[in-house]
N, C-alpha and C. Protein backbone atom coordinates (compact mmCIF):
# COMPACT_ATOMS: atom_id res chain seq x y z
N MET A 1 5.80 -8.82 -25.50
CA MET A 1 5.59 -8.80 -23.82
C MET A 1 5.60 -7.46 -23.55
N ALA A 2 6.29 -6.36 -24.08
CA ALA A 2 6.21 -5.01 -23.56
C ALA A 2 5.01 -4.47 -24.25
N ILE A 3 4.40 -4.90 -25.15
CA ILE A 3 3.27 -4.35 -25.78
C ILE A 3 2.04 -4.92 -24.74
N GLY A 4 2.18 -5.70 -23.96
CA GLY A 4 1.29 -6.21 -23.08
C GLY A 4 0.96 -5.25 -21.94
N TRP A 5 2.54 -5.17 -21.36
CA TRP A 5 2.70 -3.98 -20.58
C TRP A 5 2.03 -2.73 -20.73
N LEU A 6 2.50 -2.50 -21.98
CA LEU A 6 2.07 -1.20 -22.54
C LEU A 6 0.56 -0.95 -22.52
N ALA A 7 -0.22 -1.78 -23.05
CA ALA A 7 -1.76 -1.90 -22.91
C ALA A 7 -2.35 -1.83 -21.56
N VAL A 8 -1.64 -2.69 -20.59
CA VAL A 8 -2.05 -2.55 -19.25
C VAL A 8 -1.89 -1.31 -18.64
N LEU A 9 -0.76 -0.76 -18.71
CA LEU A 9 -0.49 0.87 -18.21
C LEU A 9 -1.19 1.78 -18.85
N GLN A 10 -1.62 1.72 -20.04
CA GLN A 10 -2.70 2.73 -20.92
C GLN A 10 -3.88 2.45 -20.35
N SER A 11 -4.46 1.29 -20.01
CA SER A 11 -5.56 1.02 -19.71
C SER A 11 -6.26 1.52 -17.85
N VAL A 12 -4.80 1.63 -17.37
CA VAL A 12 -5.17 2.18 -15.90
C VAL A 12 -5.52 3.63 -15.86
N PRO A 13 -6.50 3.99 -15.10
CA PRO A 13 -6.92 5.24 -15.01
C PRO A 13 -6.15 6.10 -14.14
N TRP A 14 -4.82 6.80 -14.52
CA TRP A 14 -3.81 7.35 -13.90
C TRP A 14 -4.68 8.49 -12.99
N SER A 15 -5.39 9.14 -13.45
CA SER A 15 -5.79 10.68 -12.83
C SER A 15 -6.60 10.23 -11.66
N GLU A 16 -7.17 8.90 -11.50
CA GLU A 16 -7.89 8.61 -10.26
C GLU A 16 -7.14 7.90 -9.40
N VAL A 17 -6.11 7.03 -9.96
CA VAL A 17 -4.94 6.55 -8.92
C VAL A 17 -4.40 7.82 -8.28
N ILE A 18 -4.08 8.53 -8.96
CA ILE A 18 -3.15 9.60 -8.65
C ILE A 18 -3.94 10.58 -7.51
N SER A 19 -5.22 10.67 -7.80
CA SER A 19 -6.07 11.52 -6.58
C SER A 19 -6.56 10.64 -5.65
N ASN A 20 -6.35 9.29 -5.67
CA ASN A 20 -6.84 8.29 -4.31
C ASN A 20 -5.65 7.98 -3.72
N ALA A 21 -4.39 8.34 -4.29
CA ALA A 21 -3.19 7.89 -3.35
C ALA A 21 -3.17 8.06 -2.04
N PRO A 22 -3.38 9.74 -1.94
CA PRO A 22 -3.26 10.34 -0.58
C PRO A 22 -4.65 9.84 0.34
N LYS A 23 -5.46 9.36 -0.07
CA LYS A 23 -6.58 8.74 0.55
C LYS A 23 -6.31 7.42 1.01
N VAL A 24 -5.76 6.46 0.25
CA VAL A 24 -5.19 5.25 0.38
C VAL A 24 -4.27 5.18 1.59
N ALA A 25 -3.48 6.06 1.67
CA ALA A 25 -2.15 6.26 2.74
C ALA A 25 -3.01 6.90 4.15
N ASP A 26 -3.78 7.50 3.84
CA ASP A 26 -4.53 8.36 5.10
C ASP A 26 -5.51 6.95 5.62
N GLY A 27 -6.04 6.19 5.07
CA GLY A 27 -6.85 5.18 5.27
C GLY A 27 -5.63 4.05 5.86
N ALA A 28 -4.79 3.83 5.58
CA ALA A 28 -3.80 2.78 5.92
C ALA A 28 -3.26 3.37 7.48
N MET A 29 -3.17 4.66 7.45
CA MET A 29 -2.43 5.61 8.59
C MET A 29 -3.54 5.22 9.71
N LYS A 30 -4.99 5.61 9.46
CA LYS A 30 -6.03 5.50 10.17
C LYS A 30 -6.04 3.84 10.98
N LEU A 31 -5.86 2.81 9.72
CA LEU A 31 -5.76 1.74 10.43
C LEU A 31 -4.88 1.08 11.28
N TRP A 32 -3.77 1.57 10.97
CA TRP A 32 -2.42 1.36 11.78
C TRP A 32 -2.65 2.15 13.28
N ASN A 33 -3.20 3.27 13.31
CA ASN A 33 -3.31 3.94 14.61
C ASN A 33 -4.62 2.87 15.35
N ALA A 34 -5.48 2.90 14.67
CA ALA A 34 -6.62 2.00 15.14
C ALA A 34 -5.86 0.67 15.87
N VAL A 35 -5.30 -0.12 15.10
CA VAL A 35 -4.92 -1.31 15.73
C VAL A 35 -3.86 -1.23 16.82
N ALA A 36 -2.81 -0.30 16.59
CA ALA A 36 -1.58 0.18 17.49
C ALA A 36 -2.34 0.50 18.79
N ARG A 37 -3.68 1.17 18.66
CA ARG A 37 -4.05 1.64 19.85
C ARG A 37 -4.72 0.56 20.86
N LYS A 38 -5.14 -0.48 20.25
CA LYS A 38 -6.02 -1.58 21.09
C LYS A 38 -5.26 -2.38 21.92
N PRO A 39 -5.26 -2.39 23.24
CA PRO A 39 -4.41 -3.04 24.16
C PRO A 39 -4.38 -4.60 23.71
N SER A 40 -3.22 -5.47 24.11
CA SER A 40 -3.09 -6.82 23.80
C SER A 40 -3.85 -7.27 24.77
N PRO A 41 -4.47 -8.79 24.60
CA PRO A 41 -5.30 -9.14 25.47
C PRO A 41 -4.46 -9.71 26.79
N PRO A 42 -4.62 -9.65 28.21
CA PRO A 42 -3.74 -9.89 29.29
C PRO A 42 -3.35 -11.16 29.24
N GLU A 43 -2.00 -11.69 29.79
CA GLU A 43 -2.02 -12.78 29.82
C GLU A 43 -2.20 -13.58 31.00
N VAL A 44 -2.83 -14.95 31.03
CA VAL A 44 -3.18 -15.49 31.96
C VAL A 44 -2.40 -16.78 32.51
N SER A 45 -1.85 -16.73 33.40
CA SER A 45 -1.14 -18.02 34.04
C SER A 45 -1.86 -19.09 33.77
N ASP A 46 -1.00 -20.26 33.61
CA ASP A 46 -1.63 -21.58 33.19
C ASP A 46 -1.87 -22.30 34.83
N SER A 47 -3.35 -22.64 35.10
CA SER A 47 -3.50 -22.85 36.33
C SER A 47 -4.05 -24.40 35.98
N SER A 48 -3.15 -25.28 35.43
CA SER A 48 -3.54 -26.60 35.16
C SER A 48 -3.02 -27.53 35.99
N THR A 49 -2.42 -27.06 37.21
CA THR A 49 -1.91 -27.84 38.01
C THR A 49 -2.77 -28.07 39.37
N GLN A 50 -4.16 -28.06 39.13
CA GLN A 50 -5.13 -28.55 40.19
C GLN A 50 -5.15 -30.10 40.45
N PRO A 51 -5.62 -30.25 41.65
CA PRO A 51 -5.55 -31.71 42.15
C PRO A 51 -6.97 -32.28 41.51
N ALA A 52 -6.89 -33.70 41.72
CA ALA A 52 -8.29 -34.21 40.96
C ALA A 52 -9.46 -33.77 41.90
N ALA A 53 -10.72 -33.44 40.85
CA ALA A 53 -11.82 -32.89 41.79
C ALA A 53 -13.02 -33.61 41.25
N PRO A 54 -14.03 -33.38 41.80
CA PRO A 54 -15.35 -34.10 41.49
C PRO A 54 -15.69 -33.82 40.00
N PRO A 55 -16.84 -34.14 39.26
CA PRO A 55 -17.01 -33.86 37.86
C PRO A 55 -17.42 -32.50 37.77
N GLU A 56 -18.17 -31.89 38.62
CA GLU A 56 -18.40 -30.54 38.08
C GLU A 56 -17.13 -29.27 38.27
N SER A 57 -16.43 -29.86 39.35
CA SER A 57 -15.08 -29.14 39.02
C SER A 57 -14.14 -29.21 38.00
N GLN A 58 -14.19 -30.52 37.44
CA GLN A 58 -13.36 -30.92 36.13
C GLN A 58 -14.04 -30.18 35.11
N ARG A 59 -15.40 -29.92 34.99
CA ARG A 59 -15.88 -29.16 34.09
C ARG A 59 -15.34 -27.86 34.11
N ILE A 60 -15.65 -27.29 34.98
CA ILE A 60 -14.91 -25.87 35.37
C ILE A 60 -13.65 -25.59 34.96
N ALA A 61 -12.77 -26.74 35.26
CA ALA A 61 -11.50 -26.73 35.12
C ALA A 61 -11.24 -26.97 33.61
N ALA A 62 -11.74 -27.69 32.88
CA ALA A 62 -12.03 -27.90 31.38
C ALA A 62 -12.17 -26.51 30.41
N LEU A 63 -13.45 -26.11 31.23
CA LEU A 63 -13.64 -24.59 30.56
C LEU A 63 -12.89 -23.62 30.77
N GLU A 64 -11.95 -23.53 32.02
CA GLU A 64 -11.03 -22.56 32.27
C GLU A 64 -9.64 -22.92 31.44
N THR A 65 -9.29 -24.12 31.33
CA THR A 65 -8.25 -24.53 30.40
C THR A 65 -8.58 -23.89 28.81
N ARG A 66 -10.04 -24.24 28.32
CA ARG A 66 -10.32 -23.74 26.99
C ARG A 66 -10.22 -22.36 26.84
N ALA A 67 -10.48 -21.48 27.95
CA ALA A 67 -10.45 -20.10 28.25
C ALA A 67 -9.19 -19.58 27.96
N ILE A 68 -8.24 -20.09 28.75
CA ILE A 68 -6.79 -19.71 28.56
C ILE A 68 -6.24 -20.25 26.92
N ALA A 69 -6.45 -21.19 26.58
CA ALA A 69 -6.36 -21.49 25.29
C ALA A 69 -6.98 -20.55 24.14
N LEU A 70 -8.13 -20.20 24.45
CA LEU A 70 -8.74 -19.02 23.65
C LEU A 70 -8.06 -17.71 23.71
N GLU A 71 -7.84 -17.49 25.07
CA GLU A 71 -7.05 -16.10 25.28
C GLU A 71 -5.81 -16.20 24.68
N ALA A 72 -5.06 -17.16 24.48
CA ALA A 72 -3.82 -17.31 23.85
C ALA A 72 -4.01 -17.06 22.35
N ALA A 73 -5.12 -17.68 21.72
CA ALA A 73 -5.28 -17.75 20.31
C ALA A 73 -5.64 -16.14 19.83
N VAL A 74 -6.46 -15.55 20.89
CA VAL A 74 -6.65 -14.16 20.62
C VAL A 74 -5.41 -13.25 20.51
N SER A 75 -4.64 -13.52 21.51
CA SER A 75 -3.44 -12.72 21.77
C SER A 75 -2.63 -12.88 20.12
N ASP A 76 -2.51 -14.10 20.09
CA ASP A 76 -1.74 -14.23 18.61
C ASP A 76 -2.32 -13.72 17.50
N LEU A 77 -3.55 -13.57 17.48
CA LEU A 77 -4.37 -12.98 16.14
C LEU A 77 -4.20 -11.54 16.37
N HIS A 78 -4.02 -10.97 17.56
CA HIS A 78 -3.74 -9.57 17.83
C HIS A 78 -2.80 -9.37 17.38
N ALA A 79 -1.55 -10.10 17.64
CA ALA A 79 -0.12 -9.87 17.01
C ALA A 79 -0.22 -9.68 15.42
N GLN A 80 -0.98 -10.90 15.07
CA GLN A 80 -0.82 -10.77 13.77
C GLN A 80 -1.71 -9.57 13.03
N MET A 81 -2.67 -9.24 13.42
CA MET A 81 -3.30 -8.02 12.98
C MET A 81 -2.54 -7.03 13.16
N LEU A 82 -1.93 -6.72 14.08
CA LEU A 82 -0.88 -5.64 14.24
C LEU A 82 0.36 -5.60 13.16
N ALA A 83 0.82 -6.77 13.05
CA ALA A 83 2.02 -6.84 11.96
C ALA A 83 1.47 -6.80 10.48
N SER A 84 -0.09 -7.33 10.38
CA SER A 84 -0.68 -6.93 8.99
C SER A 84 -0.80 -5.61 8.77
N SER A 85 -1.49 -4.65 9.62
CA SER A 85 -1.73 -3.42 9.69
C SER A 85 -0.29 -2.51 9.22
N GLU A 86 0.64 -3.03 10.12
CA GLU A 86 2.03 -2.36 9.82
C GLU A 86 2.45 -2.51 8.26
N LEU A 87 2.10 -3.80 7.71
CA LEU A 87 2.58 -4.27 6.37
C LEU A 87 1.43 -3.34 5.43
N ILE A 88 0.38 -3.27 5.82
CA ILE A 88 -0.47 -2.20 4.77
C ILE A 88 0.05 -1.20 4.95
N LYS A 89 0.12 -0.45 5.84
CA LYS A 89 0.61 1.20 6.07
C LYS A 89 1.95 1.04 5.27
N ALA A 90 2.74 0.31 5.50
CA ALA A 90 4.34 0.39 4.83
C ALA A 90 3.77 0.57 3.03
N LEU A 91 2.93 -0.43 2.82
CA LEU A 91 2.45 -0.55 1.40
C LEU A 91 1.86 0.54 0.85
N ALA A 92 1.10 1.39 1.76
CA ALA A 92 0.24 2.32 1.25
C ALA A 92 1.38 3.27 1.13
N ASP A 93 2.46 3.69 1.96
CA ASP A 93 3.40 4.61 1.75
C ASP A 93 4.19 4.56 0.76
N GLN A 94 4.30 3.22 0.29
CA GLN A 94 5.34 3.15 -0.79
C GLN A 94 4.20 3.33 -2.10
N ASN A 95 3.02 3.00 -2.26
CA ASN A 95 1.96 3.28 -2.97
C ASN A 95 2.22 5.09 -3.39
N ALA A 96 2.11 5.69 -2.37
CA ALA A 96 1.88 7.18 -2.18
C ALA A 96 3.14 7.59 -3.15
N GLN A 97 4.30 7.13 -2.43
CA GLN A 97 5.67 7.64 -3.18
C GLN A 97 5.56 7.11 -4.74
N LEU A 98 5.19 5.99 -4.79
CA LEU A 98 5.33 5.47 -6.27
C LEU A 98 4.39 6.50 -7.19
N ILE A 99 3.12 6.56 -6.70
CA ILE A 99 2.02 7.59 -7.62
C ILE A 99 2.78 8.91 -7.59
N GLN A 100 3.21 9.67 -6.55
CA GLN A 100 3.90 10.76 -6.88
C GLN A 100 5.41 10.78 -7.76
N ARG A 101 5.96 10.07 -7.84
CA ARG A 101 7.35 9.47 -8.95
C ARG A 101 6.63 9.55 -10.33
N ILE A 102 5.49 8.70 -10.51
CA ILE A 102 4.78 8.46 -11.68
C ILE A 102 4.26 10.01 -12.07
N GLU A 103 3.46 10.73 -11.47
CA GLU A 103 3.09 12.04 -11.79
C GLU A 103 4.54 12.86 -12.10
N ASN A 104 5.46 13.09 -11.26
CA ASN A 104 6.72 13.54 -11.61
C ASN A 104 7.15 13.21 -13.08
N ASN A 105 7.09 11.84 -13.40
CA ASN A 105 7.57 11.70 -14.69
C ASN A 105 6.71 12.01 -15.70
N ARG A 106 5.36 12.00 -15.51
CA ARG A 106 4.54 12.19 -16.50
C ARG A 106 4.71 13.88 -16.82
N VAL A 107 4.95 15.08 -15.60
CA VAL A 107 5.19 16.00 -16.03
C VAL A 107 6.15 16.30 -17.09
N ARG A 108 7.59 15.51 -16.43
CA ARG A 108 8.38 15.77 -17.37
C ARG A 108 8.51 15.14 -18.80
N VAL A 109 7.77 14.28 -19.13
CA VAL A 109 7.40 13.89 -20.25
C VAL A 109 6.74 14.79 -20.93
N LEU A 110 5.88 15.63 -20.45
CA LEU A 110 5.11 16.53 -21.08
C LEU A 110 6.27 17.65 -21.53
N TRP A 111 6.91 17.94 -20.23
CA TRP A 111 7.75 19.03 -20.75
C TRP A 111 8.81 18.80 -21.90
N LEU A 112 9.36 17.51 -21.70
CA LEU A 112 10.14 16.93 -23.05
C LEU A 112 9.35 16.85 -24.28
N SER A 113 8.14 16.58 -24.34
CA SER A 113 7.58 16.38 -25.39
C SER A 113 7.30 18.10 -26.33
N ALA A 114 7.07 18.77 -25.46
CA ALA A 114 6.99 20.13 -25.73
C ALA A 114 8.14 20.81 -26.40
N ALA A 115 8.98 20.56 -25.39
CA ALA A 115 10.64 20.83 -25.90
C ALA A 115 11.13 20.32 -27.37
N THR A 116 10.80 19.05 -27.53
CA THR A 116 11.01 18.35 -28.51
C THR A 116 10.01 18.96 -30.05
N ALA A 117 8.84 19.30 -29.47
CA ALA A 117 8.07 19.69 -30.65
C ALA A 117 8.41 21.13 -31.20
N VAL A 118 9.12 22.17 -30.06
CA VAL A 118 9.66 23.15 -30.43
C VAL A 118 11.12 23.37 -30.94
N VAL A 119 11.83 22.03 -30.76
CA VAL A 119 12.97 21.72 -31.60
C VAL A 119 12.72 21.32 -33.05
N ALA A 120 11.88 20.44 -33.07
CA ALA A 120 11.08 20.14 -34.47
C ALA A 120 10.75 21.09 -35.24
N VAL A 121 9.99 21.98 -34.58
CA VAL A 121 9.50 23.27 -35.53
C VAL A 121 10.83 24.15 -35.86
N ALA A 122 11.51 24.43 -34.63
CA ALA A 122 12.61 25.19 -35.36
C ALA A 122 13.55 24.61 -36.53
N ALA A 123 13.58 23.23 -36.43
CA ALA A 123 14.72 22.46 -37.27
C ALA A 123 13.78 22.61 -38.45
N LEU A 124 12.41 22.33 -38.66
CA LEU A 124 11.83 22.47 -39.86
C LEU A 124 11.93 23.76 -40.39
N LEU A 125 11.78 24.82 -39.74
CA LEU A 125 11.96 26.38 -40.09
C LEU A 125 13.41 26.56 -40.74
N GLY A 126 14.33 25.93 -40.14
CA GLY A 126 15.64 26.19 -40.45
C GLY A 126 16.03 25.53 -41.94
N ILE A 127 15.04 24.55 -42.04
CA ILE A 127 15.49 23.64 -43.42
C ILE A 127 14.90 24.16 -44.38
N LEU A 128 13.42 24.90 -44.11
CA LEU A 128 12.88 25.62 -45.10
C LEU A 128 13.45 26.93 -45.59
N LEU A 129 14.14 27.47 -44.44
CA LEU A 129 14.94 29.01 -44.59
C LEU A 129 15.89 28.58 -45.60
N ALA A 130 16.78 27.41 -45.46
CA ALA A 130 17.94 27.09 -46.09
C ALA A 130 17.77 26.83 -47.35
N PHE A 131 16.50 25.94 -47.83
CA PHE A 131 15.92 25.94 -49.26
C PHE A 131 15.49 27.01 -49.94
N SER A 132 14.99 28.02 -49.04
CA SER A 132 14.65 29.28 -49.93
C SER A 132 15.73 30.07 -50.19
N TRP A 133 16.79 30.17 -49.35
CA TRP A 133 17.83 31.07 -49.89
C TRP A 133 18.57 30.46 -51.08
N HIS A 134 18.66 29.09 -51.00
CA HIS A 134 19.29 28.28 -52.15
C HIS A 134 18.43 28.48 -53.42
N GLY A 135 17.20 28.65 -53.24
CA GLY A 135 16.62 28.69 -54.39
C GLY A 135 16.43 29.92 -54.67
N ALA A 136 16.42 30.93 -54.20
CA ALA A 136 16.50 32.40 -54.63
C ALA A 136 17.71 32.93 -55.49
C-alpha cells in the first residue's frame, strides 16, 4: 500500500503545485471577498392574511406568495454560498500552509542528503586511509 502512495506522490508535479499555491489562496480570498460583500436579500414580511378576493386579486396574491417563497429560497442560497466560500477560503489557506511545509521538508531532505553524502565520503576516505596505513 505504501508503494501505491509513493507512486502517487512521485507523479504529482510538485513544482507546479508549489508555484500555484499562492494563486489558489489569492483566488479563494477574492471569492470570499466578493461573496461577503454581496448584501443579503431583504426579508419580506408574510402578507398571506388577506381577505378573500376576486379571481384577479387571488392570482396576484398567489404570485406574491410565490415571490416571497422565492425570496426566502434566494436568501437561503446566499447563506449557503457564503458558507461554501468561507470553507473554500479555509481549505485554500490550509493548502497553502501544507505546500509551504512540504517545500520546507523538501529543502531539509536535500540538506540531509548532502550531509549524508559528505559523511559517507569522509567515512570511505577514513576506511581507505586506515587500510593504506596497515598495508604499508
